Amino acid sequence: MHCQLCESLELAFEARRSEYIEAMSLANYRISKRFAAYKNVEMERARTELEEHQSVCVLAGTAPAPTAALLRIAQREQLQGQPVGSAA
């Protein structure tokens, strides 16, 4: 059994995560860091909504929540895509 709201929120989170990763791509990131930051906020908002719902959803307790793993992947991809700054 799956909660339709959980599934909808998961799809929204995955869409926002994809948009964020695309915004962090090298070409887009150089053009507008503000756009990438906006996409990061939208991704975090979607993740928070999903986690808040899953904390009260009876059906969410029966299925594992992939949000933490997806967020770690997004953060790792973000770090890989950032230009390296100088140490000095």
PDB file of N, CA and C in Angstrom:
ATOM      1  N   MET A   1       0.833  -1.186   0.000  1.00  0.00           N
ATOM      2  CA  MET A   1       0.000   0.000   0.000  1.00  0.00           C
ATOM      3  C   MET A   1       0.878   1.249   0.000  1.00  0.00           C
ATOM      4  N   HIS A   2       0.531   2.185  -0.866  1.00  0.00           N
ATOM      5  CA  HIS A   2       1.279   3.424  -0.944  1.00  0.00           C
ATOM      6  C   HIS A   2       0.325   4.603  -0.853  1.00  0.00           C
ATOM      7  N   CYS A   3       0.748   5.611  -0.174  1.00  0.00           N
ATOM      8  CA  CYS A   3      -0.015   6.845  -0.050  1.00  0.00           C
ATOM      9  C   CYS A   3       0.199   7.655  -1.327  1.00  0.00           C
ATOM     10  N   GLN A   4      -0.879   8.101  -1.950  1.00  0.00           N
ATOM     11  CA  GLN A   4      -0.755   8.873  -3.181  1.00  0.00           C
ATOM     12  C   GLN A   4      -0.067  10.203  -2.934  1.00  0.00           C
ATOM     13  N   LEU A   5      -0.293  10.801  -1.786  1.00  0.00           N
ATOM     14  CA  LEU A   5       0.363  12.072  -1.474  1.00  0.00           C
ATOM     15  C   LEU A   5       1.866  11.865  -1.313  1.00  0.00           C
ATOM     16  N   CYS A   6       2.258  10.765  -0.669  1.00  0.00           N
ATOM     17  CA  CYS A   6       3.693  10.447  -0.550  1.00  0.00           C
ATOM     18  C   CYS A   6       4.318  10.315  -1.928  1.00  0.00           C
ATOM     19  N   GLU A   7       3.668   9.568  -2.812  1.00  0.00           N
ATOM     20  CA  GLU A   7       4.194   9.373  -4.152  1.00  0.00           C
ATOM     21  C   GLU A   7       4.285  10.688  -4.911  1.00  0.00           C
ATOM     22  N   SER A   8       3.271  11.525  -4.762  1.00  0.00           N
ATOM     23  CA  SER A   8       3.271  12.828  -5.425  1.00  0.00           C
ATOM     24  C   SER A   8       4.401  13.711  -4.900  1.00  0.00           C
ATOM     25  N   LEU A   9       4.580  13.721  -3.592  1.00  0.00           N
ATOM     26  CA  LEU A   9       5.649  14.523  -2.993  1.00  0.00           C
ATOM     27  C   LEU A   9       7.026  13.982  -3.377  1.00  0.00           C
ATOM     28  N   GLU A  10       7.158  12.663  -3.475  1.00  0.00           N
ATOM     29  CA  GLU A  10       8.428  12.074  -3.905  1.00  0.00           C
ATOM     30  C   GLU A  10       8.747  12.465  -5.346  1.00  0.00           C
ATOM     31  N   LEU A  11       7.743  12.435  -6.212  1.00  0.00           N
ATOM     32  CA  LEU A  11       7.947  12.847  -7.598  1.00  0.00           C
ATOM     33  C   LEU A  11       8.329  14.325  -7.680  1.00  0.00           C
ATOM     34  N   ALA A  12       7.689  15.146  -6.859  1.00  0.00           N
ATOM     35  CA  ALA A  12       8.014  16.572  -6.843  1.00  0.00           C
ATOM     36  C   ALA A  12       9.447  16.784  -6.372  1.00  0.00           C
ATOM     37  N   PHE A  13       9.846  16.045  -5.336  1.00  0.00           N
ATOM     38  CA  PHE A  13      11.214  16.164  -4.842  1.00  0.00           C
ATOM     39  C   PHE A  13      12.221  15.730  -5.906  1.00  0.00           C
ATOM     40  N   GLU A  14      11.949  14.615  -6.555  1.00  0.00           N
ATOM     41  CA  GLU A  14      12.866  14.130  -7.590  1.00  0.00           C
ATOM     42  C   GLU A  14      12.959  15.115  -8.750  1.00  0.00           C
ATOM     43  N   ALA A  15      11.842  15.735  -9.114  1.00  0.00           N
ATOM     44  CA  ALA A  15      11.856  16.734 -10.185  1.00  0.00           C
ATOM     45  C   ALA A  15      12.690  17.944  -9.772  1.00  0.00           C
ATOM     46  N   ARG A  16      12.500  18.410  -8.532  1.00  0.00           N
ATOM     47  CA  ARG A  16      13.270  19.558  -8.047  1.00  0.00           C
ATOM     48  C   ARG A  16      14.749  19.221  -7.949  1.00  0.00           C
ATOM     49  N   ARG A  17      15.053  17.989  -7.544  1.00  0.00           N
ATOM     50  CA  ARG A  17      16.450  17.565  -7.446  1.00  0.00           C
ATOM     51  C   ARG A  17      17.091  17.552  -8.823  1.00  0.00           C
ATOM     52  N   SER A  18      16.366  17.054  -9.809  1.00  0.00           N
ATOM     53  CA  SER A  18      16.887  17.037 -11.178  1.00  0.00           C
ATOM     54  C   SER A  18      17.125  18.453 -11.688  1.00  0.00           C
ATOM     55  N   GLU A  19      16.191  19.360 -11.395  1.00  0.00           N
ATOM     56  CA  GLU A  19      16.348  20.748 -11.811  1.00  0.00           C
ATOM     57  C   GLU A  19      17.557  21.382 -11.129  1.00  0.00           C
ATOM     58  N   TYR A  20      17.750  21.044  -9.864  1.00  0.00           N
ATOM     59  CA  TYR A  20      18.890  21.590  -9.128  1.00  0.00           C
ATOM     60  C   TYR A  20      20.209  21.077  -9.701  1.00  0.00           C
ATOM     61  N   ILE A  21      20.266  19.799  -9.990  1.00  0.00           N
ATOM     62  CA  ILE A  21      21.484  19.221 -10.552  1.00  0.00           C
ATOM     63  C   ILE A  21      21.773  19.851 -11.913  1.00  0.00           C
ATOM     64  N   GLU A  22      20.728  20.056 -12.696  1.00  0.00           N
ATOM     65  CA  GLU A  22      20.911  20.705 -13.999  1.00  0.00           C
ATOM     66  C   GLU A  22      21.419  22.140 -13.819  1.00  0.00           C
ATOM     67  N   ALA A  23      20.868  22.849 -12.834  1.00  0.00           N
ATOM     68  CA  ALA A  23      21.307  24.225 -12.581  1.00  0.00           C
ATOM     69  C   ALA A  23      22.752  24.264 -12.106  1.00  0.00           C
ATOM     70  N   MET A  24      23.201  23.200 -11.453  1.00  0.00           N
ATOM     71  CA  MET A  24      24.572  23.149 -10.962  1.00  0.00           C
ATOM     72  C   MET A  24      25.555  22.694 -12.032  1.00  0.00           C
ATOM     73  N   SER A  25      25.039  22.342 -13.210  1.00  0.00           N
ATOM     74  CA  SER A  25      25.951  21.936 -14.275  1.00  0.00           C
ATOM     75  C   SER A  25      26.887  23.102 -14.580  1.00  0.00           C
ATOM     76  N   LEU A  26      28.029  22.779 -15.037  1.00  0.00           N
ATOM     77  CA  LEU A  26      29.090  23.766 -15.191  1.00  0.00           C
ATOM     78  C   LEU A  26      28.657  24.979 -16.009  1.00  0.00           C
ATOM     79  N   ALA A  27      27.992  24.779 -17.130  1.00  0.00           N
ATOM     80  CA  ALA A  27      27.601  25.900 -17.995  1.00  0.00           C
ATOM     81  C   ALA A  27      26.589  26.802 -17.291  1.00  0.00           C
ATOM     82  N   ASN A  28      25.554  26.230 -16.711  1.00  0.00           N
ATOM     83  CA  ASN A  28      24.537  27.038 -16.038  1.00  0.00           C
ATOM     84  C   ASN A  28      25.084  27.703 -14.789  1.00  0.00           C
ATOM     85  N   TYR A  29      25.915  27.011 -14.053  1.00  0.00           N
ATOM     86  CA  TYR A  29      26.416  27.542 -12.786  1.00  0.00           C
ATOM     87  C   TYR A  29      27.273  28.780 -13.012  1.00  0.00           C
ATOM     88  N   ARG A  30      28.049  28.782 -14.077  1.00  0.00           N
ATOM     89  CA  ARG A  30      28.884  29.948 -14.366  1.00  0.00           C
ATOM     90  C   ARG A  30      28.041  31.151 -14.751  1.00  0.00           C
ATOM     91  N   ILE A  31      26.913  30.915 -15.395  1.00  0.00           N
ATOM     92  CA  ILE A  31      26.054  32.016 -15.826  1.00  0.00           C
ATOM     93  C   ILE A  31      25.311  32.619 -14.638  1.00  0.00           C
ATOM     94  N   SER A  32      24.730  31.776 -13.799  1.00  0.00           N
ATOM     95  CA  SER A  32      23.908  32.307 -12.715  1.00  0.00           C
ATOM     96  C   SER A  32      23.966  31.428 -11.472  1.00  0.00           C
ATOM     97  N   LYS A  33      24.738  31.860 -10.509  1.00  0.00           N
ATOM     98  CA  LYS A  33      24.783  31.149  -9.233  1.00  0.00           C
ATOM     99  C   LYS A  33      23.483  31.368  -8.476  1.00  0.00           C
ATOM    100  N   ARG A  34      22.835  32.497  -8.704  1.00  0.00           N
ATOM    101  CA  ARG A  34      21.565  32.796  -8.041  1.00  0.00           C
ATOM    102  C   ARG A  34      20.491  31.806  -8.482  1.00  0.00           C
ATOM    103  N   PHE A  35      20.477  31.450  -9.759  1.00  0.00           N
ATOM    104  CA  PHE A  35      19.518  30.478 -10.273  1.00  0.00           C
ATOM    105  C   PHE A  35      19.733  29.123  -9.611  1.00  0.00           C
ATOM    106  N   ALA A  36      20.979  28.718  -9.479  1.00  0.00           N
ATOM    107  CA  ALA A  36      21.290  27.446  -8.824  1.00  0.00           C
ATOM    108  C   ALA A  36      20.874  27.491  -7.357  1.00  0.00           C
ATOM    109  N   ALA A  37      21.087  28.617  -6.703  1.00  0.00           N
ATOM    110  CA  ALA A  37      20.679  28.750  -5.298  1.00  0.00           C
ATOM    111  C   ALA A  37      19.158  28.667  -5.170  1.00  0.00           C
ATOM    112  N   TYR A  38      18.452  29.286  -6.105  1.00  0.00           N
ATOM    113  CA  TYR A  38      16.987  29.222  -6.095  1.00  0.00           C
ATOM    114  C   TYR A  38      16.522  27.774  -6.248  1.00  0.00           C
ATOM    115  N   LYS A  39      17.135  27.037  -7.166  1.00  0.00           N
ATOM    116  CA  LYS A  39      16.763  25.634  -7.377  1.00  0.00           C
ATOM    117  C   LYS A  39      17.082  24.798  -6.142  1.00  0.00           C
ATOM    118  N   ASN A  40      18.160  25.137  -5.438  1.00  0.00           N
ATOM    119  CA  ASN A  40      18.507  24.432  -4.207  1.00  0.00           C
ATOM    120  C   ASN A  40      17.427  24.665  -3.154  1.00  0.00           C
ATOM    121  N   VAL A  41      16.961  25.903  -3.033  1.00  0.00           N
ATOM    122  CA  VAL A  41      15.896  26.215  -2.071  1.00  0.00           C
ATOM    123  C   VAL A  41      14.630  25.443  -2.422  1.00  0.00           C
ATOM    124  N   GLU A  42      14.285  25.405  -3.701  1.00  0.00           N
ATOM    125  CA  GLU A  42      13.092  24.675  -4.125  1.00  0.00           C
ATOM    126  C   GLU A  42      13.224  23.182  -3.841  1.00  0.00           C
ATOM    127  N   MET A  43      14.412  22.615  -4.055  1.00  0.00           N
ATOM    128  CA  MET A  43      14.643  21.208  -3.770  1.00  0.00           C
ATOM    129  C   MET A  43      14.504  20.944  -2.267  1.00  0.00           C
ATOM    130  N   GLU A  44      15.091  21.803  -1.453  1.00  0.00           N
ATOM    131  CA  GLU A  44      15.007  21.637  -0.002  1.00  0.00           C
ATOM    132  C   GLU A  44      13.565  21.767   0.479  1.00  0.00           C
ATOM    133  N   ARG A  45      12.822  22.677  -0.118  1.00  0.00           N
ATOM    134  CA  ARG A  45      11.414  22.855   0.250  1.00  0.00           C
ATOM    135  C   ARG A  45      10.612  21.593  -0.065  1.00  0.00           C
ATOM    136  N   ALA A  46      10.854  21.019  -1.232  1.00  0.00           N
ATOM    137  CA  ALA A  46      10.162  19.788  -1.611  1.00  0.00           C
ATOM    138  C   ALA A  46      10.549  18.641  -0.686  1.00  0.00           C
ATOM    139  N   ARG A  47      11.827  18.570  -0.327  1.00  0.00           N
ATOM    140  CA  ARG A  47      12.283  17.514   0.589  1.00  0.00           C
ATOM    141  C   ARG A  47      11.631  17.666   1.954  1.00  0.00           C
ATOM    142  N   THR A  48      11.549  18.897   2.439  1.00  0.00           N
ATOM    143  CA  THR A  48      10.936  19.162   3.745  1.00  0.00           C
ATOM    144  C   THR A  48       9.458  18.791   3.736  1.00  0.00           C
ATOM    145  N   GLU A  49       8.756  19.160   2.672  1.00  0.00           N
ATOM    146  CA  GLU A  49       7.340  18.806   2.576  1.00  0.00           C
ATOM    147  C   GLU A  49       7.155  17.294   2.602  1.00  0.00           C
ATOM    148  N   LEU A  50       7.987  16.584   1.881  1.00  0.00           N
ATOM    149  CA  LEU A  50       7.903  15.128   1.852  1.00  0.00           C
ATOM    150  C   LEU A  50       8.187  14.546   3.231  1.00  0.00           C
ATOM    151  N   GLU A  51       9.253  14.997   3.864  1.00  0.00           N
ATOM    152  CA  GLU A  51       9.603  14.464   5.182  1.00  0.00           C
ATOM    153  C   GLU A  51       8.533  14.788   6.223  1.00  0.00           C
ATOM    154  N   GLU A  52       7.958  15.993   6.160  1.00  0.00           N
ATOM    155  CA  GLU A  52       6.898  16.351   7.100  1.00  0.00           C
ATOM    156  C   GLU A  52       5.683  15.450   6.918  1.00  0.00           C
ATOM    157  N   HIS A  53       5.320  15.199   5.663  1.00  0.00           N
ATOM    158  CA  HIS A  53       4.182  14.323   5.421  1.00  0.00           C
ATOM    159  C   HIS A  53       4.481  12.902   5.874  1.00  0.00           C
ATOM    160  N   GLN A  54       5.687  12.422   5.567  1.00  0.00           N
ATOM    161  CA  GLN A  54       6.028  11.055   5.942  1.00  0.00           C
ATOM    162  C   GLN A  54       6.082  10.875   7.454  1.00  0.00           C
ATOM    163  N   SER A  55       6.342  11.938   8.185  1.00  0.00           N
ATOM    164  CA  SER A  55       6.393  11.825   9.641  1.00  0.00           C
ATOM    165  C   SER A  55       5.012  11.595  10.248  1.00  0.00           C
ATOM    166  N   VAL A  56       3.957  11.960   9.530  1.00  0.00           N
ATOM    167  CA  VAL A  56       2.597  11.777  10.050  1.00  0.00           C
ATOM    168  C   VAL A  56       1.796  10.755   9.260  1.00  0.00           C
ATOM    169  N   CYS A  57       2.305  10.314   8.125  1.00  0.00           N
ATOM    170  CA  CYS A  57       1.576   9.388   7.258  1.00  0.00           C
ATOM    171  C   CYS A  57       1.679   7.967   7.804  1.00  0.00           C
ATOM    172  N   VAL A  58       0.551   7.344   7.960  1.00  0.00           N
ATOM    173  CA  VAL A  58       0.511   5.970   8.453  1.00  0.00           C
ATOM    174  C   VAL A  58       1.111   5.012   7.433  1.00  0.00           C
ATOM    175  N   LEU A  59       0.839   5.237   6.156  1.00  0.00           N
ATOM    176  CA  LEU A  59       1.323   4.341   5.109  1.00  0.00           C
ATOM    177  C   LEU A  59       2.802   4.541   4.824  1.00  0.00           C
ATOM    178  N   ALA A  60       3.351   5.707   5.106  1.00  0.00           N
ATOM    179  CA  ALA A  60       4.764   5.966   4.836  1.00  0.00           C
ATOM    180  C   ALA A  60       5.671   5.116   5.717  1.00  0.00           C
ATOM    181  N   GLY A  61       5.181   4.693   6.863  1.00  0.00           N
ATOM    182  CA  GLY A  61       5.981   3.869   7.761  1.00  0.00           C
ATOM    183  C   GLY A  61       6.258   2.489   7.209  1.00  0.00           C
ATOM    184  N   THR A  62       5.493   2.062   6.200  1.00  0.00           N
ATOM    185  CA  THR A  62       5.687   0.729   5.640  1.00  0.00           C
ATOM    186  C   THR A  62       6.685   0.705   4.489  1.00  0.00           C
ATOM    187  N   ALA A  63       6.998   1.884   3.920  1.00  0.00           N
ATOM    188  CA  ALA A  63       7.939   1.939   2.793  1.00  0.00           C
ATOM    189  C   ALA A  63       9.124   2.811   3.173  1.00  0.00           C
ATOM    190  N   PRO A  64      10.325   2.419   2.757  1.00  0.00           N
ATOM    191  CA  PRO A  64      11.503   3.225   3.084  1.00  0.00           C
ATOM    192  C   PRO A  64      11.466   4.574   2.354  1.00  0.00           C
ATOM    193  N   ALA A  65      11.920   5.608   3.028  1.00  0.00           N
ATOM    194  CA  ALA A  65      11.955   6.950   2.450  1.00  0.00           C
ATOM    195  C   ALA A  65      13.297   7.167   1.755  1.00  0.00           C
ATOM    196  N   PRO A  66      13.293   7.425   0.457  1.00  0.00           N
ATOM    197  CA  PRO A  66      14.539   7.580  -0.278  1.00  0.00           C
ATOM    198  C   PRO A  66      15.113   8.988  -0.219  1.00  0.00           C
ATOM    199  N   THR A  67      14.463   9.906   0.471  1.00  0.00           N
ATOM    200  CA  THR A  67      14.883  11.309   0.402  1.00  0.00           C
ATOM    201  C   THR A  67      16.297  11.528   0.918  1.00  0.00           C
ATOM    202  N   ALA A  68      16.684  10.885   1.988  1.00  0.00           N
ATOM    203  CA  ALA A  68      18.024  11.098   2.541  1.00  0.00           C
ATOM    204  C   ALA A  68      19.091  10.640   1.547  1.00  0.00           C
ATOM    205  N   ALA A  69      18.884   9.503   0.937  1.00  0.00           N
ATOM    206  CA  ALA A  69      19.852   8.998  -0.043  1.00  0.00           C
ATOM    207  C   ALA A  69      19.906   9.912  -1.262  1.00  0.00           C
ATOM    208  N   LEU A  70      18.750  10.365  -1.723  1.00  0.00           N
ATOM    209  CA  LEU A  70      18.725  11.256  -2.878  1.00  0.00           C
ATOM    210  C   LEU A  70      19.393  12.581  -2.572  1.00  0.00           C
ATOM    211  N   LEU A  71      19.206  13.076  -1.362  1.00  0.00           N
ATOM    212  CA  LEU A  71      19.825  14.339  -0.988  1.00  0.00           C
ATOM    213  C   LEU A  71      21.341  14.190  -0.933  1.00  0.00           C
ATOM    214  N   ARG A  72      21.831  13.071  -0.399  1.00  0.00           N
ATOM    215  CA  ARG A  72      23.280  12.843  -0.369  1.00  0.00           C
ATOM    216  C   ARG A  72      23.846  12.791  -1.788  1.00  0.00           C
ATOM    217  N   ILE A  73      23.130  12.166  -2.706  1.00  0.00           N
ATOM    218  CA  ILE A  73      23.575  12.108  -4.098  1.00  0.00           C
ATOM    219  C   ILE A  73      23.626  13.509  -4.689  1.00  0.00           C
ATOM    220  N   ALA A  74      22.600  14.310  -4.438  1.00  0.00           N
ATOM    221  CA  ALA A  74      22.564  15.679  -4.963  1.00  0.00           C
ATOM    222  C   ALA A  74      23.709  16.502  -4.401  1.00  0.00           C
ATOM    223  N   GLN A  75      23.988  16.354  -3.107  1.00  0.00           N
ATOM    224  CA  GLN A  75      25.073  17.113  -2.495  1.00  0.00           C
ATOM    225  C   GLN A  75      26.425  16.674  -3.051  1.00  0.00           C
ATOM    226  N   ARG A  76      26.610  15.377  -3.273  1.00  0.00           N
ATOM    227  CA  ARG A  76      27.862  14.870  -3.833  1.00  0.00           C
ATOM    228  C   ARG A  76      28.040  15.407  -5.252  1.00  0.00           C
ATOM    229  N   GLU A  77      26.968  15.397  -6.041  1.00  0.00           N
ATOM    230  CA  GLU A  77      27.052  15.915  -7.402  1.00  0.00           C
ATOM    231  C   GLU A  77      27.311  17.414  -7.391  1.00  0.00           C
ATOM    232  N   GLN A  78      26.774  18.108  -6.413  1.00  0.00           N
ATOM    233  CA  GLN A  78      27.018  19.544  -6.295  1.00  0.00           C
ATOM    234  C   GLN A  78      28.488  19.808  -6.025  1.00  0.00           C
ATOM    235  N   LEU A  79      29.062  19.054  -5.112  1.00  0.00           N
ATOM    236  CA  LEU A  79      30.466  19.246  -4.786  1.00  0.00           C
ATOM    237  C   LEU A  79      31.371  18.907  -5.961  1.00  0.00           C
ATOM    238  N   GLN A  80      31.004  17.914  -6.726  1.00  0.00           N
ATOM    239  CA  GLN A  80      31.806  17.535  -7.885  1.00  0.00           C
ATOM    240  C   GLN A  80      31.727  18.583  -8.979  1.00  0.00           C
ATOM    241  N   GLY A  81      30.623  19.303  -9.069  1.00  0.00           N
ATOM    242  CA  GLY A  81      30.441  20.270 -10.133  1.00  0.00           C
ATOM    243  C   GLY A  81      30.977  21.652  -9.827  1.00  0.00           C
ATOM    244  N   GLN A  82      31.341  21.927  -8.573  1.00  0.00           N
ATOM    245  CA  GLN A  82      31.822  23.255  -8.210  1.00  0.00           C
ATOM    246  C   GLN A  82      33.266  23.436  -8.638  1.00  0.00           C
ATOM    247  N   PRO A  83      33.581  24.638  -9.126  1.00  0.00           N
ATOM    248  CA  PRO A  83      34.981  24.915  -9.457  1.00  0.00           C
ATOM    249  C   PRO A  83      35.824  24.972  -8.181  1.00  0.00           C
ATOM    250  N   VAL A  84      37.062  24.555  -8.299  1.00  0.00           N
ATOM    251  CA  VAL A  84      37.968  24.521  -7.151  1.00  0.00           C
ATOM    252  C   VAL A  84      38.551  25.906  -6.960  1.00  0.00           C
ATOM    253  N   GLY A  85      38.464  26.431  -5.728  1.00  0.00           N
ATOM    254  CA  GLY A  85      39.032  27.741  -5.421  1.00  0.00           C
ATOM    255  C   GLY A  85      40.472  27.625  -4.986  1.00  0.00           C
ATOM    256  N   SER A  86      41.142  28.750  -4.946  1.00  0.00           N
ATOM    257  CA  SER A  86      42.544  28.729  -4.525  1.00  0.00           C
ATOM    258  C   SER A  86      42.634  28.668  -3.009  1.00  0.00           C
ATOM    259  N   ALA A  87      43.697  28.107  -2.510  1.00  0.00           N
ATOM    260  CA  ALA A  87      43.889  27.955  -1.068  1.00  0.00           C
ATOM    261  C   ALA A  87      44.419  29.239  -0.445  1.00  0.00           C
ATOM    262  N   ALA A  88      44.950  30.128  -1.228  1.00  0.00           N
ATOM    263  CA  ALA A  88      45.554  31.350  -0.693  1.00  0.00           C
ATOM    264  C   ALA A  88      44.544  32.450  -0.526  1.00  0.00           C
TER     265      ALA A  88
END
